C-alpha atoms as a PDB file:
ATOM      1  CA  MET A   1      81.048   5.003 -16.037  1.00  0.00           C
ATOM      2  CA  ASP A   2      78.483   2.318 -16.807  1.00  0.00           C
ATOM      3  CA  PRO A   3      75.177   3.250 -18.464  1.00  0.00           C
ATOM      4  CA  ILE A   4      72.560   4.533 -16.036  1.00  0.00           C
ATOM      5  CA  LEU A   5      69.535   2.259 -16.033  1.00  0.00           C
ATOM      6  CA  ARG A   6      66.088   3.812 -16.178  1.00  0.00           C
ATOM      7  CA  GLN A   7      62.843   2.815 -14.525  1.00  0.00           C
ATOM      8  CA  SER A   8      60.802   3.512 -17.685  1.00  0.00           C
ATOM      9  CA  PRO A   9      60.554   0.068 -19.279  1.00  0.00           C
ATOM     10  CA  PHE A  10      59.493   0.881 -22.847  1.00  0.00           C
ATOM     11  CA  THR A  11      61.441   4.132 -23.314  1.00  0.00           C
ATOM     12  CA  ALA A  12      65.086   3.195 -22.902  1.00  0.00           C
ATOM     13  CA  ASN A  13      67.511   6.045 -22.284  1.00  0.00           C
ATOM     14  CA  ASN A  14      70.863   4.867 -20.997  1.00  0.00           C
ATOM     15  CA  ALA A  15      72.960   7.922 -21.830  1.00  0.00           C
ATOM     16  CA  LEU A  16      75.233   9.394 -19.187  1.00  0.00           C
ATOM     17  CA  PRO A  17      74.303  12.702 -17.557  1.00  0.00           C
ATOM     18  CA  GLY A  18      75.724  15.613 -19.455  1.00  0.00           C
ATOM     19  CA  ALA A  19      75.534  13.834 -22.819  1.00  0.00           C
ATOM     20  CA  GLU A  20      74.211  16.132 -25.508  1.00  0.00           C
ATOM     21  CA  GLY A  21      70.423  16.172 -25.711  1.00  0.00           C
ATOM     22  CA  GLN A  22      69.966  13.714 -22.819  1.00  0.00           C
ATOM     23  CA  THR A  23      68.194  14.574 -19.570  1.00  0.00           C
ATOM     24  CA  PRO A  24      66.367  12.403 -17.032  1.00  0.00           C
ATOM     25  CA  ALA A  25      62.821  11.509 -18.049  1.00  0.00           C
ATOM     26  CA  SER A  26      60.528  13.565 -15.876  1.00  0.00           C
ATOM     27  CA  GLY A  27      57.186  13.631 -17.703  1.00  0.00           C
ATOM     28  CA  THR A  28      56.450  17.046 -16.165  1.00  0.00           C
ATOM     29  CA  THR A  29      55.009  20.122 -17.875  1.00  0.00           C
ATOM     30  CA  ASP A  30      54.829  23.786 -17.000  1.00  0.00           C
ATOM     31  CA  THR A  31      51.723  23.361 -14.867  1.00  0.00           C
ATOM     32  CA  THR A  32      52.149  26.740 -13.193  1.00  0.00           C
ATOM     33  CA  GLY A  33      51.926  28.449 -16.592  1.00  0.00           C
ATOM     34  CA  ASP A  34      48.791  26.463 -17.455  1.00  0.00           C
ATOM     35  CA  PHE A  35      47.245  27.507 -14.145  1.00  0.00           C
ATOM     36  CA  GLU A  36      47.884  31.209 -14.753  1.00  0.00           C
ATOM     37  CA  THR A  37      46.587  30.942 -18.324  1.00  0.00           C
ATOM     38  CA  PHE A  38      43.429  29.199 -17.139  1.00  0.00           C
ATOM     39  CA  LEU A  39      42.840  31.870 -14.477  1.00  0.00           C
ATOM     40  CA  ALA A  40      43.279  34.684 -17.047  1.00  0.00           C
ATOM     41  CA  LEU A  41      40.861  33.041 -19.493  1.00  0.00           C
ATOM     42  CA  LEU A  42      38.229  32.456 -16.801  1.00  0.00           C
ATOM     43  CA  THR A  43      38.485  36.055 -15.563  1.00  0.00           C
ATOM     44  CA  THR A  44      38.188  37.401 -19.117  1.00  0.00           C
ATOM     45  CA  GLN A  45      35.138  35.209 -19.746  1.00  0.00           C
ATOM     46  CA  LEU A  46      33.373  36.485 -16.620  1.00  0.00           C
ATOM     47  CA  ARG A  47      34.129  40.127 -17.489  1.00  0.00           C
ATOM     48  CA  ASN A  48      32.891  39.866 -21.061  1.00  0.00           C
ATOM     49  CA  GLN A  49      29.869  37.609 -20.794  1.00  0.00           C
ATOM     50  CA  ASP A  50      26.493  38.910 -21.939  1.00  0.00           C
ATOM     51  CA  PRO A  51      24.512  39.978 -18.806  1.00  0.00           C
ATOM     52  CA  LEU A  52      21.354  38.802 -20.552  1.00  0.00           C
ATOM     53  CA  LYS A  53      22.898  35.391 -21.303  1.00  0.00           C
ATOM     54  CA  PRO A  54      25.215  34.532 -18.423  1.00  0.00           C
ATOM     55  CA  VAL A  55      27.202  31.322 -18.377  1.00  0.00           C
ATOM     56  CA  GLU A  56      25.076  28.324 -17.477  1.00  0.00           C
ATOM     57  CA  SER A  57      25.507  27.330 -13.835  1.00  0.00           C
ATOM     58  CA  THR A  58      26.527  23.766 -14.713  1.00  0.00           C
ATOM     59  CA  GLU A  59      29.162  25.022 -17.145  1.00  0.00           C
ATOM     60  CA  PHE A  60      30.457  27.503 -14.596  1.00  0.00           C
ATOM     61  CA  VAL A  61      30.707  24.793 -11.908  1.00  0.00           C
ATOM     62  CA  ALA A  62      32.618  22.569 -14.343  1.00  0.00           C
ATOM     63  CA  GLN A  63      35.037  25.405 -15.051  1.00  0.00           C
ATOM     64  CA  LEU A  64      35.540  26.003 -11.332  1.00  0.00           C
ATOM     65  CA  ALA A  65      36.199  22.279 -10.839  1.00  0.00           C
ATOM     66  CA  SER A  66      38.835  22.395 -13.556  1.00  0.00           C
ATOM     67  CA  PHE A  67      40.312  25.481 -11.896  1.00  0.00           C
ATOM     68  CA  SER A  68      40.498  23.611  -8.570  1.00  0.00           C
ATOM     69  CA  ALA A  69      42.126  20.553 -10.170  1.00  0.00           C
ATOM     70  CA  VAL A  70      44.805  22.667 -11.830  1.00  0.00           C
ATOM     71  CA  GLU A  71      45.470  24.503  -8.566  1.00  0.00           C
ATOM     72  CA  GLN A  72      45.844  21.195  -6.688  1.00  0.00           C
ATOM     73  CA  GLN A  73      48.259  19.910  -9.345  1.00  0.00           C
ATOM     74  CA  VAL A  74      50.401  23.035  -8.929  1.00  0.00           C
ATOM     75  CA  GLN A  75      50.473  22.527  -5.162  1.00  0.00           C
ATOM     76  CA  THR A  76      51.375  18.840  -5.590  1.00  0.00           C
ATOM     77  CA  ASN A  77      54.219  19.708  -7.932  1.00  0.00           C
ATOM     78  CA  ASP A  78      55.505  22.284  -5.437  1.00  0.00           C
ATOM     79  CA  ARG A  79      55.482  19.676  -2.656  1.00  0.00           C
ATOM     80  CA  LEU A  80      57.288  17.118  -4.827  1.00  0.00           C
ATOM     81  CA  ALA A  81      59.883  19.726  -5.733  1.00  0.00           C
ATOM     82  CA  SER A  82      60.420  20.464  -2.047  1.00  0.00           C
ATOM     83  CA  ILE A  83      60.915  16.776  -1.282  1.00  0.00           C
ATOM     84  CA  LEU A  84      63.406  16.387  -4.118  1.00  0.00           C
ATOM     85  CA  ASP A  85      65.292  19.502  -2.989  1.00  0.00           C
ATOM     86  CA  ALA A  86      65.498  18.095   0.522  1.00  0.00           C
ATOM     87  CA  LEU A  87      66.954  14.815  -0.718  1.00  0.00           C
ATOM     88  CA  ALA A  88      69.088  15.944  -3.643  1.00  0.00           C
ATOM     89  CA  ASN A  89      69.691  19.685  -3.738  1.00  0.00           C
ATOM     90  CA  GLY A  90      73.449  19.292  -3.851  1.00  0.00           C
ATOM     91  CA  ALA A  91      73.934  19.611  -0.121  1.00  0.00           C
ATOM     92  CA  THR A  92      76.008  16.837   1.457  1.00  0.00           C
ATOM     93  CA  GLY A  93      73.380  16.228   4.098  1.00  0.00           C
ATOM     94  CA  GLY A  94      70.664  15.824   1.481  1.00  0.00           C
ATOM     95  CA  LEU A  95      72.673  13.331  -0.562  1.00  0.00           C
ATOM     96  CA  ALA A  96      73.583  11.344   2.556  1.00  0.00           C
ATOM     97  CA  GLN A  97      69.927  10.564   3.219  1.00  0.00           C
ATOM     98  CA  TRP A  98      69.967   8.116   0.294  1.00  0.00           C
ATOM     99  CA  ILE A  99      72.865   6.053   1.678  1.00  0.00           C
ATOM    100  CA  GLY A 100      71.759   2.745   3.185  1.00  0.00           C
ATOM    101  CA  LYS A 101      68.204   2.997   1.856  1.00  0.00           C
ATOM    102  CA  GLU A 102      66.751   0.168  -0.205  1.00  0.00           C
ATOM    103  CA  VAL A 103      65.570   1.482  -3.566  1.00  0.00           C
ATOM    104  CA  ARG A 104      63.666  -0.420  -6.224  1.00  0.00           C
ATOM    105  CA  ASN A 105      65.943  -0.476  -9.265  1.00  0.00           C
ATOM    106  CA  PRO A 106      66.672  -2.477 -12.441  1.00  0.00           C
ATOM    107  CA  GLY A 107      69.828  -4.116 -11.031  1.00  0.00           C
ATOM    108  CA  SER A 108      70.374  -7.266  -8.977  1.00  0.00           C
ATOM    109  CA  ALA A 109      69.452  -8.292  -5.436  1.00  0.00           C
ATOM    110  CA  PRO A 110      70.831 -10.897  -3.018  1.00  0.00           C
ATOM    111  CA  TYR A 111      68.851 -14.080  -2.462  1.00  0.00           C
ATOM    112  CA  GLU A 112      68.541 -14.788   1.279  1.00  0.00           C
ATOM    113  CA  ASN A 113      66.613 -18.084   1.390  1.00  0.00           C
ATOM    114  CA  HIS A 114      63.240 -16.382   1.046  1.00  0.00           C
ATOM    115  CA  PRO A 115      61.298 -15.322  -2.080  1.00  0.00           C
ATOM    116  CA  LEU A 116      62.367 -12.141  -3.833  1.00  0.00           C
ATOM    117  CA  ASP A 117      59.672  -9.634  -4.748  1.00  0.00           C
ATOM    118  CA  ILE A 118      60.083  -8.348  -8.314  1.00  0.00           C
ATOM    119  CA  GLN A 119      58.151  -5.570 -10.017  1.00  0.00           C
ATOM    120  CA  VAL A 120      57.535  -6.454 -13.650  1.00  0.00           C
ATOM    121  CA  PHE A 121      56.448  -4.509 -16.731  1.00  0.00           C
ATOM    122  CA  ILE A 122      54.680  -6.587 -19.363  1.00  0.00           C
ATOM    123  CA  HIS A 123      53.621  -5.273 -22.756  1.00  0.00           C
ATOM    124  CA  SER A 124      49.861  -4.748 -22.954  1.00  0.00           C
ATOM    125  CA  GLU A 125      49.565  -6.876 -26.119  1.00  0.00           C
ATOM    126  CA  ALA A 126      51.420  -9.895 -24.679  1.00  0.00           C
ATOM    127  CA  ASP A 127      49.479 -13.150 -24.364  1.00  0.00           C
ATOM    128  CA  SER A 128      52.078 -14.702 -22.045  1.00  0.00           C
ATOM    129  CA  ALA A 129      55.218 -13.675 -20.168  1.00  0.00           C
ATOM    130  CA  ARG A 130      58.351 -15.211 -18.716  1.00  0.00           C
ATOM    131  CA  LEU A 131      60.791 -14.222 -15.973  1.00  0.00           C
ATOM    132  CA  VAL A 132      64.446 -14.865 -16.875  1.00  0.00           C
ATOM    133  CA  VAL A 133      66.978 -15.161 -14.016  1.00  0.00           C
ATOM    134  CA  TYR A 134      70.677 -14.238 -14.377  1.00  0.00           C
ATOM    135  CA  ASP A 135      73.461 -15.019 -11.919  1.00  0.00           C
ATOM    136  CA  GLU A 136      76.395 -12.784 -10.950  1.00  0.00           C
ATOM    137  CA  ASN A 137      78.298 -13.892 -14.063  1.00  0.00           C
ATOM    138  CA  ASN A 138      75.380 -12.892 -16.319  1.00  0.00           C
ATOM    139  CA  ASN A 139      74.519 -16.535 -17.049  1.00  0.00           C
ATOM    140  CA  VAL A 140      70.870 -17.506 -17.465  1.00  0.00           C
ATOM    141  CA  VAL A 141      70.126 -19.857 -14.565  1.00  0.00           C
ATOM    142  CA  GLY A 142      66.351 -19.795 -14.265  1.00  0.00           C
ATOM    143  CA  HIS A 143      63.019 -19.274 -15.979  1.00  0.00           C
ATOM    144  CA  GLN A 144      59.547 -18.798 -14.567  1.00  0.00           C
ATOM    145  CA  SER A 145      56.238 -18.364 -16.376  1.00  0.00           C
ATOM    146  CA  ILE A 146      54.253 -15.393 -15.094  1.00  0.00           C
ATOM    147  CA  ASN A 147      50.780 -14.003 -15.619  1.00  0.00           C
ATOM    148  CA  PRO A 148      50.836 -11.398 -18.435  1.00  0.00           C
ATOM    149  CA  ASN A 149      48.555  -9.215 -16.304  1.00  0.00           C
ATOM    150  CA  ALA A 150      50.880  -9.266 -13.287  1.00  0.00           C
ATOM    151  CA  SER A 151      52.686  -6.214 -11.953  1.00  0.00           C
ATOM    152  CA  ASP A 152      54.575  -7.984  -9.157  1.00  0.00           C
ATOM    153  CA  VAL A 153      55.834 -11.556  -8.946  1.00  0.00           C
ATOM    154  CA  GLU A 154      57.798 -13.646  -6.473  1.00  0.00           C
ATOM    155  CA  TRP A 155      60.841 -15.705  -7.369  1.00  0.00           C
ATOM    156  CA  SER A 156      61.182 -18.647  -5.016  1.00  0.00           C
ATOM    157  CA  GLY A 157      64.874 -19.199  -5.712  1.00  0.00           C
ATOM    158  CA  ILE A 158      64.481 -22.442  -7.687  1.00  0.00           C
ATOM    159  CA  LEU A 159      66.908 -22.656 -10.628  1.00  0.00           C
ATOM    160  CA  ASP A 160      66.431 -24.474 -13.938  1.00  0.00           C
ATOM    161  CA  SER A 161      68.717 -27.209 -12.604  1.00  0.00           C
ATOM    162  CA  GLY A 162      66.240 -27.903  -9.816  1.00  0.00           C
ATOM    163  CA  ASP A 163      68.668 -26.639  -7.181  1.00  0.00           C
ATOM    164  CA  ARG A 164      67.935 -23.736  -4.891  1.00  0.00           C
ATOM    165  CA  ALA A 165      69.843 -20.486  -5.391  1.00  0.00           C
ATOM    166  CA  GLU A 166      72.795 -19.887  -3.105  1.00  0.00           C
ATOM    167  CA  ALA A 167      72.126 -17.556  -0.209  1.00  0.00           C
ATOM    168  CA  GLY A 168      74.006 -14.279  -0.395  1.00  0.00           C
ATOM    169  CA  HIS A 169      74.473 -14.434  -4.169  1.00  0.00           C
ATOM    170  CA  ASN A 170      73.048 -11.683  -6.349  1.00  0.00           C
ATOM    171  CA  TYR A 171      70.530 -12.377  -9.089  1.00  0.00           C
ATOM    172  CA  ARG A 172      69.213 -10.136 -11.842  1.00  0.00           C
ATOM    173  CA  PHE A 173      65.885 -10.460 -13.660  1.00  0.00           C
ATOM    174  CA  GLU A 174      64.445  -9.717 -17.077  1.00  0.00           C
ATOM    175  CA  VAL A 175      60.846 -10.006 -18.209  1.00  0.00           C
ATOM    176  CA  GLU A 176      60.004 -11.277 -21.672  1.00  0.00           C
ATOM    177  CA  SER A 177      56.636 -10.224 -23.096  1.00  0.00           C
ATOM    178  CA  ILE A 178      55.485 -12.904 -25.539  1.00  0.00           C
ATOM    179  CA  LYS A 179      52.893 -12.629 -28.308  1.00  0.00           C
ATOM    180  CA  ASP A 180      52.036 -15.517 -30.625  1.00  0.00           C
ATOM    181  CA  GLY A 181      55.040 -17.462 -29.352  1.00  0.00           C
ATOM    182  CA  GLU A 182      57.556 -14.673 -30.105  1.00  0.00           C
ATOM    183  CA  VAL A 183      59.272 -12.363 -27.626  1.00  0.00           C
ATOM    184  CA  SER A 184      57.888  -8.892 -28.402  1.00  0.00           C
ATOM    185  CA  ALA A 185      59.597  -6.921 -25.623  1.00  0.00           C
ATOM    186  CA  THR A 186      62.200  -7.416 -22.906  1.00  0.00           C
ATOM    187  CA  THR A 187      62.249  -5.241 -19.797  1.00  0.00           C
ATOM    188  CA  PRO A 188      64.236  -5.335 -16.541  1.00  0.00           C
ATOM    189  CA  GLY A 189      62.623  -6.727 -13.414  1.00  0.00           C
ATOM    190  CA  LEU A 190      62.871  -4.188 -10.593  1.00  0.00           C
ATOM    191  CA  VAL A 191      64.222  -5.302  -7.215  1.00  0.00           C
ATOM    192  CA  PHE A 192      65.072  -3.654  -3.910  1.00  0.00           C
ATOM    193  CA  SER A 193      68.779  -3.223  -3.210  1.00  0.00           C
ATOM    194  CA  THR A 194      70.829  -0.903  -1.027  1.00  0.00           C
ATOM    195  CA  VAL A 195      72.230   2.451  -2.144  1.00  0.00           C
ATOM    196  CA  GLN A 196      76.002   2.365  -1.607  1.00  0.00           C
ATOM    197  CA  GLU A 197      77.012   5.737  -3.002  1.00  0.00           C
ATOM    198  CA  VAL A 198      75.445   8.983  -4.236  1.00  0.00           C
ATOM    199  CA  ARG A 199      77.029  11.480  -6.624  1.00  0.00           C
ATOM    200  CA  LEU A 200      75.924  14.816  -7.983  1.00  0.00           C
ATOM    201  CA  ILE A 201      76.931  14.889 -11.669  1.00  0.00           C
ATOM    202  CA  ASP A 202      76.084  17.810 -13.953  1.00  0.00           C
ATOM    203  CA  GLY A 203      73.230  18.756 -11.635  1.00  0.00           C
ATOM    204  CA  PHE A 204      71.752  15.228 -11.574  1.00  0.00           C
ATOM    205  CA  THR A 205      71.744  13.043  -8.458  1.00  0.00           C
ATOM    206  CA  ILE A 206      72.969   9.548  -9.354  1.00  0.00           C
ATOM    207  CA  LEU A 207      72.504   6.531  -7.071  1.00  0.00           C
ATOM    208  CA  PHE A 208      75.058   3.699  -7.114  1.00  0.00           C
ATOM    209  CA  PHE A 209      74.396   0.136  -5.981  1.00  0.00           C
ATOM    210  CA  GLU A 210      76.747  -2.674  -4.937  1.00  0.00           C
ATOM    211  CA  ASP A 211      76.528  -4.483  -8.278  1.00  0.00           C
ATOM    212  CA  GLY A 212      77.535  -1.331 -10.180  1.00  0.00           C
ATOM    213  CA  THR A 213      74.003  -0.407 -11.258  1.00  0.00           C
ATOM    214  CA  GLN A 214      73.371   3.324 -11.430  1.00  0.00           C
ATOM    215  CA  MET A 215      70.119   5.211 -11.706  1.00  0.00           C
ATOM    216  CA  TYR A 216      68.837   8.773 -11.567  1.00  0.00           C
ATOM    217  CA  ALA A 217      67.310   9.758  -8.222  1.00  0.00           C
ATOM    218  CA  ASP A 218      64.483  11.346 -10.244  1.00  0.00           C
ATOM    219  CA  ASP A 219      63.515   7.837 -11.404  1.00  0.00           C
ATOM    220  CA  VAL A 220      62.991   6.448  -7.890  1.00  0.00           C
ATOM    221  CA  ARG A 221      59.414   5.288  -7.380  1.00  0.00           C
ATOM    222  CA  ALA A 222      59.846   3.105  -4.278  1.00  0.00           C
ATOM    223  CA  MET A 223      62.198   3.301  -1.308  1.00  0.00           C
ATOM    224  CA  ARG A 224      62.262   1.582   2.075  1.00  0.00           C
ATOM    225  CA  ASN A 225      64.422   1.053   5.152  1.00  0.00           C
ATOM    226  CA  PRO A 226      66.582  -2.110   5.067  1.00  0.00           C
ATOM    227  CA  ASP A 227      64.588  -3.766   7.855  1.00  0.00           C
ATOM    228  CA  ALA A 228      61.287  -3.289   5.960  1.00  0.00           C
ATOM    229  CA  GLY A 229      61.903  -6.228   3.638  1.00  0.00           C
END
């Protein structure tokens, strides 16, 4: 199985699911535990405060605001968990919902005689950046200067040769962050392409694309219907 590409541009982790010590990057914490701890501390504070020197009203309001924010985060996490369970809880019906959807991923996308939208990640210290275009044979066929502050760019399909890319052919993109004339970081450009297959491997839902690219369903940050492009 080919390495599974990750959305996180500056924290590469291409290990296969089930490899020792490797799990999908989630960035989550035990928010429910924090919520319960916060509630216990607030209750204890109210019970033990000096009646002659109660907590200042402004401080109390700030604590209640923090309490509300934590509670909302717990509810948000619960909703996200429900969505993920609906899409990828191991049930065949849930997995099937991914098939045919266009998901933004670090693989390749077909050029169809109109500009391709590419999400880019550029290092914050870069003073310039460049989009590098690869064809289906992994040959570099194009370059395009891009704004170092950009998050999305369009590739018009013009190759270094001056010719236009061939319709129906897949192209892959990399973004070079440049500082003082030297490439300081290289990250994949993210494109929309169609999910061809879904597998549940060691408890992780893996999406497969036509070009062989694989990614964790947990890493999906953008999805659309095929006719939305």
